[in-house]
N, C-alpha and C. Protein backbone atom coordinates (compact mmCIF):
# COMPACT_ATOMS: atom_id res chain seq x y z
N MET A 1 0.84 -1.37 -0.12
CA MET A 1 0.26 0.05 -0.04
C MET A 1 0.90 1.24 0.03
N SER A 2 0.63 2.11 -0.81
CA SER A 2 1.10 3.55 -0.86
C SER A 2 0.83 4.26 0.15
N ASP A 3 2.11 5.14 0.45
CA ASP A 3 1.89 6.10 1.60
C ASP A 3 1.82 7.51 0.84
N GLU A 4 1.42 7.74 -0.38
CA GLU A 4 1.18 8.55 -1.05
C GLU A 4 -0.19 9.30 -0.80
N CYS A 5 -0.47 10.54 -0.42
CA CYS A 5 -1.61 11.33 -0.32
C CYS A 5 -2.72 10.76 -1.42
N ILE A 6 -3.87 10.43 -0.94
CA ILE A 6 -4.98 10.13 -1.38
C ILE A 6 -5.41 11.10 -2.81
N PHE A 7 -5.34 12.30 -2.31
CA PHE A 7 -5.70 13.45 -3.45
C PHE A 7 -4.63 13.20 -4.44
N CYS A 8 -3.51 13.19 -4.26
CA CYS A 8 -2.40 13.05 -5.32
C CYS A 8 -2.57 12.04 -6.20
N GLU A 9 -2.88 10.79 -5.68
CA GLU A 9 -3.28 9.66 -6.54
C GLU A 9 -4.35 9.93 -7.26
N ILE A 10 -5.33 10.57 -7.07
CA ILE A 10 -6.55 10.60 -7.72
C ILE A 10 -6.39 11.93 -8.92
N GLY A 11 -5.41 12.90 -8.39
CA GLY A 11 -5.07 13.75 -9.33
C GLY A 11 -4.16 13.69 -10.48
N ARG A 12 -3.38 12.76 -9.98
CA ARG A 12 -2.14 12.09 -11.09
C ARG A 12 -2.77 11.35 -12.35
N ASP A 13 -3.76 10.82 -12.04
CA ASP A 13 -4.77 10.08 -13.43
C ASP A 13 -5.58 10.80 -14.15
N PRO A 14 -5.23 11.34 -15.16
CA PRO A 14 -6.12 12.21 -16.10
C PRO A 14 -7.57 11.46 -16.50
N SER A 15 -7.37 10.16 -16.56
CA SER A 15 -8.75 9.34 -16.76
C SER A 15 -9.34 8.74 -15.54
N ASN A 16 -9.00 9.15 -14.27
CA ASN A 16 -9.79 8.75 -13.17
C ASN A 16 -11.21 9.16 -13.09
N ALA A 17 -12.01 8.18 -13.17
CA ALA A 17 -13.53 8.41 -13.33
C ALA A 17 -14.09 9.18 -12.14
N ALA A 18 -13.36 9.15 -11.01
CA ALA A 18 -14.17 9.99 -10.02
C ALA A 18 -13.85 11.36 -10.28
N VAL A 19 -13.07 11.89 -11.14
CA VAL A 19 -12.89 13.41 -11.24
C VAL A 19 -14.08 13.81 -12.25
N VAL A 20 -14.55 15.00 -11.78
CA VAL A 20 -15.59 15.51 -12.70
C VAL A 20 -15.33 16.85 -13.26
N TYR A 21 -14.04 17.48 -12.95
CA TYR A 21 -13.72 18.67 -13.32
C TYR A 21 -12.09 18.48 -13.35
N ARG A 22 -11.51 19.03 -14.37
CA ARG A 22 -9.90 19.15 -14.19
C ARG A 22 -9.52 20.54 -15.19
N ASP A 23 -8.69 21.02 -14.71
CA ASP A 23 -7.90 22.03 -15.53
C ASP A 23 -6.34 22.01 -15.23
N ASN A 24 -5.51 22.61 -15.83
CA ASN A 24 -4.14 22.16 -15.38
C ASN A 24 -3.77 22.82 -13.90
N VAL A 25 -4.49 23.33 -13.00
CA VAL A 25 -4.08 23.59 -11.89
C VAL A 25 -5.08 22.97 -10.76
N VAL A 26 -6.34 22.64 -10.62
CA VAL A 26 -7.06 21.97 -9.83
C VAL A 26 -7.91 20.94 -10.53
N PHE A 27 -8.72 19.99 -9.52
CA PHE A 27 -9.55 18.92 -10.14
C PHE A 27 -10.54 19.07 -9.23
N ALA A 28 -11.78 18.38 -9.40
CA ALA A 28 -12.95 18.37 -8.63
C ALA A 28 -13.44 16.78 -8.42
N ILE A 29 -13.76 16.41 -7.28
CA ILE A 29 -14.43 15.19 -7.03
C ILE A 29 -15.62 15.57 -6.36
N ASN A 30 -16.84 14.43 -6.15
CA ASN A 30 -17.64 14.75 -5.16
C ASN A 30 -17.41 13.93 -3.99
N ASP A 31 -17.83 14.64 -2.87
CA ASP A 31 -17.32 14.28 -1.45
C ASP A 31 -18.06 12.81 -1.43
N ILE A 32 -17.55 12.05 -0.74
CA ILE A 32 -17.74 10.64 -0.53
C ILE A 32 -18.83 10.61 0.78
N ASN A 33 -18.66 11.56 1.53
CA ASN A 33 -19.53 11.83 2.80
C ASN A 33 -20.21 13.07 2.72
N PRO A 34 -21.04 13.37 1.72
CA PRO A 34 -21.63 14.85 1.47
C PRO A 34 -22.30 15.04 2.63
N LYS A 35 -22.34 16.29 3.14
CA LYS A 35 -22.97 17.15 4.11
C LYS A 35 -24.32 18.05 3.32
N ALA A 36 -24.57 18.03 2.10
CA ALA A 36 -25.43 18.66 1.65
C ALA A 36 -25.92 17.93 -0.02
N PRO A 37 -26.76 18.32 -0.40
CA PRO A 37 -27.20 17.64 -1.79
C PRO A 37 -26.07 17.54 -2.76
N ILE A 38 -25.49 18.99 -2.74
CA ILE A 38 -24.18 18.89 -3.70
C ILE A 38 -23.04 19.07 -2.91
N HIS A 39 -22.07 18.31 -2.89
CA HIS A 39 -20.91 18.70 -1.96
C HIS A 39 -19.62 18.01 -2.91
N MET A 40 -18.84 19.06 -3.18
CA MET A 40 -17.77 18.33 -4.26
C MET A 40 -16.34 19.19 -3.56
N LEU A 41 -15.26 18.48 -3.66
CA LEU A 41 -14.11 19.09 -3.21
C LEU A 41 -13.42 19.31 -4.33
N ILE A 42 -12.91 20.75 -4.18
CA ILE A 42 -11.68 21.28 -5.34
C ILE A 42 -10.54 21.06 -5.01
N ILE A 43 -9.72 20.65 -5.38
CA ILE A 43 -8.33 20.06 -5.15
C ILE A 43 -7.29 20.66 -6.05
N PRO A 44 -6.40 21.19 -5.44
CA PRO A 44 -5.02 21.61 -5.94
C PRO A 44 -4.39 20.38 -6.75
N ILE A 45 -3.81 20.06 -7.81
CA ILE A 45 -3.11 19.08 -8.35
C ILE A 45 -1.70 19.03 -7.54
N LYS A 46 -1.29 20.18 -7.38
CA LYS A 46 0.17 20.31 -6.81
C LYS A 46 -0.24 19.76 -5.19
N HIS A 47 0.60 19.01 -4.66
CA HIS A 47 0.41 18.87 -3.43
C HIS A 47 0.90 19.98 -2.12
N ILE A 48 -0.07 20.70 -1.59
CA ILE A 48 0.22 21.49 -0.59
C ILE A 48 -0.60 21.01 0.52
N THR A 49 0.18 21.22 1.64
CA THR A 49 -0.65 20.61 3.00
C THR A 49 -1.89 21.55 3.35
N GLY A 50 -1.30 22.93 3.34
CA GLY A 50 -2.43 24.06 3.71
C GLY A 50 -1.91 25.41 3.33
N LEU A 51 -2.83 26.37 3.69
CA LEU A 51 -2.32 27.44 3.17
C LEU A 51 -1.17 28.20 3.56
N SER A 52 -0.72 27.79 4.86
CA SER A 52 0.62 28.20 5.37
C SER A 52 1.90 27.78 4.37
N GLU A 53 1.44 26.46 3.82
CA GLU A 53 2.57 26.18 3.06
C GLU A 53 2.84 26.57 1.75
N MET A 54 1.92 27.37 1.30
CA MET A 54 2.23 27.99 -0.12
C MET A 54 3.25 29.00 -0.01
N ALA A 55 3.86 28.98 -1.51
CA ALA A 55 5.29 29.49 -1.72
C ALA A 55 5.18 29.98 -3.16
N GLY A 56 6.17 30.94 -3.34
CA GLY A 56 6.10 31.54 -4.71
C GLY A 56 4.74 32.08 -5.27
N ASN A 57 4.59 31.51 -6.43
CA ASN A 57 3.02 31.98 -6.97
C ASN A 57 1.67 31.00 -6.41
N ASP A 58 2.05 30.28 -5.67
CA ASP A 58 1.11 29.20 -5.14
C ASP A 58 -0.15 29.97 -4.64
N GLU A 59 -0.05 31.13 -4.46
CA GLU A 59 -1.50 32.05 -4.14
C GLU A 59 -2.31 32.03 -5.35
N LEU A 60 -1.72 31.92 -6.45
CA LEU A 60 -2.92 31.75 -7.59
C LEU A 60 -3.60 30.68 -7.78
N ILE A 61 -3.16 29.54 -7.33
CA ILE A 61 -4.10 28.33 -6.76
C ILE A 61 -5.46 28.74 -6.31
N MET A 62 -5.35 29.33 -5.43
CA MET A 62 -6.87 29.95 -5.04
C MET A 62 -7.84 30.48 -5.75
N MET A 63 -7.09 31.43 -6.65
CA MET A 63 -8.27 31.93 -7.89
C MET A 63 -8.50 30.57 -8.61
N TYR A 64 -7.79 29.74 -8.90
CA TYR A 64 -8.27 28.71 -9.66
C TYR A 64 -9.34 27.70 -8.92
N VAL A 65 -9.29 27.78 -7.64
CA VAL A 65 -9.96 26.91 -6.78
C VAL A 65 -11.37 27.52 -6.95
N ALA A 66 -11.39 29.00 -6.64
CA ALA A 66 -12.77 29.76 -6.61
C ALA A 66 -13.29 29.70 -8.07
N LEU A 67 -12.45 29.81 -9.11
CA LEU A 67 -13.08 29.69 -10.19
C LEU A 67 -13.61 28.20 -10.93
N ALA A 68 -12.87 27.09 -10.22
CA ALA A 68 -13.45 25.92 -10.40
C ALA A 68 -15.07 25.43 -9.85
N ALA A 69 -14.81 26.05 -8.48
CA ALA A 69 -16.15 26.04 -7.45
C ALA A 69 -17.20 26.64 -8.42
N GLU A 70 -17.04 28.03 -8.79
CA GLU A 70 -18.05 28.46 -9.69
C GLU A 70 -18.45 27.86 -10.67
N GLU A 71 -17.65 27.30 -11.41
CA GLU A 71 -17.78 26.23 -12.77
C GLU A 71 -18.63 25.25 -12.51
N MET A 72 -18.51 24.65 -11.36
CA MET A 72 -19.01 23.41 -10.84
C MET A 72 -20.46 23.85 -10.36
N ALA A 73 -20.52 24.90 -9.73
CA ALA A 73 -22.06 25.56 -9.04
C ALA A 73 -22.83 25.83 -10.26
N LYS A 74 -22.06 26.11 -11.40
CA LYS A 74 -22.79 26.33 -12.98
C LYS A 74 -23.59 25.07 -13.31
N ARG A 75 -22.39 24.29 -13.30
CA ARG A 75 -22.90 22.82 -14.04
C ARG A 75 -23.96 21.96 -13.14
N GLN A 76 -23.94 22.35 -11.90
CA GLN A 76 -24.92 21.63 -10.98
C GLN A 76 -26.13 22.53 -10.61
N GLY A 77 -26.35 23.91 -11.43
CA GLY A 77 -27.38 24.47 -11.50
C GLY A 77 -27.72 25.29 -10.02
N ILE A 78 -26.75 25.38 -9.20
CA ILE A 78 -26.78 26.30 -8.24
C ILE A 78 -26.19 27.65 -8.14
N SER A 79 -25.55 28.02 -9.31
CA SER A 79 -24.84 29.29 -9.16
C SER A 79 -25.52 30.63 -8.52
N LYS A 80 -26.78 30.83 -9.18
CA LYS A 80 -27.63 31.76 -8.70
C LYS A 80 -28.39 31.68 -7.41
N GLN A 81 -28.43 30.47 -6.79
CA GLN A 81 -29.18 30.29 -5.50
C GLN A 81 -28.00 30.39 -4.59
N GLY A 82 -26.91 29.90 -4.72
CA GLY A 82 -25.74 30.26 -4.25
C GLY A 82 -25.27 28.83 -3.56
N PHE A 83 -23.76 29.07 -3.19
CA PHE A 83 -23.09 27.76 -2.61
C PHE A 83 -22.00 28.32 -1.57
N ARG A 84 -21.65 27.43 -0.67
CA ARG A 84 -21.06 27.71 0.19
C ARG A 84 -19.28 27.00 -0.25
N LEU A 85 -18.54 27.92 -0.08
CA LEU A 85 -16.94 27.30 -0.11
C LEU A 85 -16.08 27.36 1.27
N ILE A 86 -15.94 26.35 1.65
CA ILE A 86 -15.10 26.26 3.02
C ILE A 86 -13.83 25.47 2.87
N ILE A 87 -12.58 26.17 3.34
CA ILE A 87 -11.39 25.40 3.68
C ILE A 87 -11.27 25.13 4.93
N ASN A 88 -11.12 23.94 5.29
CA ASN A 88 -10.58 23.44 6.84
C ASN A 88 -9.12 23.47 6.83
N GLN A 89 -8.48 24.03 7.84
CA GLN A 89 -6.96 24.18 8.03
C GLN A 89 -6.56 23.56 9.29
N GLY A 90 -6.01 22.44 9.31
CA GLY A 90 -5.54 21.65 10.64
C GLY A 90 -6.77 20.78 11.07
N GLN A 91 -6.04 20.22 12.10
CA GLN A 91 -6.84 19.01 12.89
C GLN A 91 -8.51 19.72 13.54
N ASP A 92 -8.04 20.85 14.36
CA ASP A 92 -9.01 21.47 14.97
C ASP A 92 -10.08 22.08 14.07
N ALA A 93 -9.94 22.29 12.91
CA ALA A 93 -10.77 22.80 12.05
C ALA A 93 -11.43 21.64 11.19
N GLY A 94 -11.22 20.20 11.68
CA GLY A 94 -11.83 19.07 10.67
C GLY A 94 -10.92 18.54 9.40
N GLN A 95 -9.73 19.30 9.35
CA GLN A 95 -9.15 18.70 7.92
C GLN A 95 -8.77 17.41 8.26
N THR A 96 -9.34 16.48 7.48
CA THR A 96 -8.72 14.94 7.61
C THR A 96 -7.96 14.70 6.57
N ILE A 97 -7.44 15.33 5.52
CA ILE A 97 -6.39 14.93 4.44
C ILE A 97 -5.54 15.81 4.41
N ASN A 98 -4.11 15.66 4.81
CA ASN A 98 -3.44 16.73 4.64
C ASN A 98 -3.02 17.36 3.17
N HIS A 99 -4.00 17.79 2.28
CA HIS A 99 -3.85 18.42 1.13
C HIS A 99 -4.69 19.22 0.93
N LEU A 100 -4.32 20.70 0.84
CA LEU A 100 -5.24 21.67 0.46
C LEU A 100 -6.42 21.27 -0.25
N HIS A 101 -7.71 21.89 0.03
CA HIS A 101 -8.57 21.43 -0.74
C HIS A 101 -10.04 22.33 -0.15
N ALA A 102 -10.73 22.63 -0.97
CA ALA A 102 -12.20 23.60 -0.35
C ALA A 102 -13.55 22.60 -0.76
N HIS A 103 -14.27 22.79 0.12
CA HIS A 103 -15.63 21.79 -0.21
C HIS A 103 -16.42 23.06 -0.63
N MET A 104 -17.13 22.62 -1.80
CA MET A 104 -18.15 23.42 -2.23
C MET A 104 -19.62 22.81 -2.19
N MET A 105 -20.40 23.33 -1.23
CA MET A 105 -21.69 22.85 -0.90
C MET A 105 -22.73 23.66 -1.42
N GLY A 106 -23.88 22.88 -1.51
CA GLY A 106 -25.33 23.80 -2.09
C GLY A 106 -25.98 22.77 -2.20
N GLY A 107 -27.03 23.33 -2.93
CA GLY A 107 -28.50 22.62 -3.20
C GLY A 107 -29.67 22.56 -2.32
N LYS A 108 -29.25 23.13 -1.13
CA LYS A 108 -30.25 23.52 -0.02
C LYS A 108 -29.88 24.61 0.51
N SER A 109 -30.74 25.13 1.42
CA SER A 109 -30.40 26.41 2.37
C SER A 109 -29.59 25.71 3.34
N LEU A 110 -28.13 26.36 3.64
CA LEU A 110 -27.10 25.84 4.21
C LEU A 110 -27.13 26.66 5.55
N GLY A 111 -27.98 27.52 5.88
CA GLY A 111 -28.29 28.29 7.10
C GLY A 111 -27.17 29.39 7.33
N ASP A 112 -27.44 30.02 8.58
CA ASP A 112 -26.24 30.81 8.92
C ASP A 112 -25.37 30.22 10.06
N MET A 113 -24.19 30.28 9.75
CA MET A 113 -23.19 29.69 10.68
C MET A 113 -22.70 30.62 11.82
N GLY A 114 -22.94 31.76 11.80
CA GLY A 114 -22.88 32.97 12.71
C GLY A 114 -23.60 32.90 14.08
């Protein structure tokens, strides 16, 4: 069994059936434990553990994450009604895979988190 990051394994294979979106910087998959009717993960192809690990031009990756989330929301028909984009950073925030990724959720009212 490989010790490689599961997201790196998925992202490395351009023909992986789990991938529902891909560009040169990020890819998207459906969350295997969805918390909303639409729950996708937007994942950088480059392995970055978290926001604090970004270097060089890595900040541009976040632009690609946002653009991919909007594209997936359009494809899922929820762009106009809205969606939530969440990045969990670290164990206390609920990050379970140490590879930077964003959760795009929608398809119902997600309520106020405040």
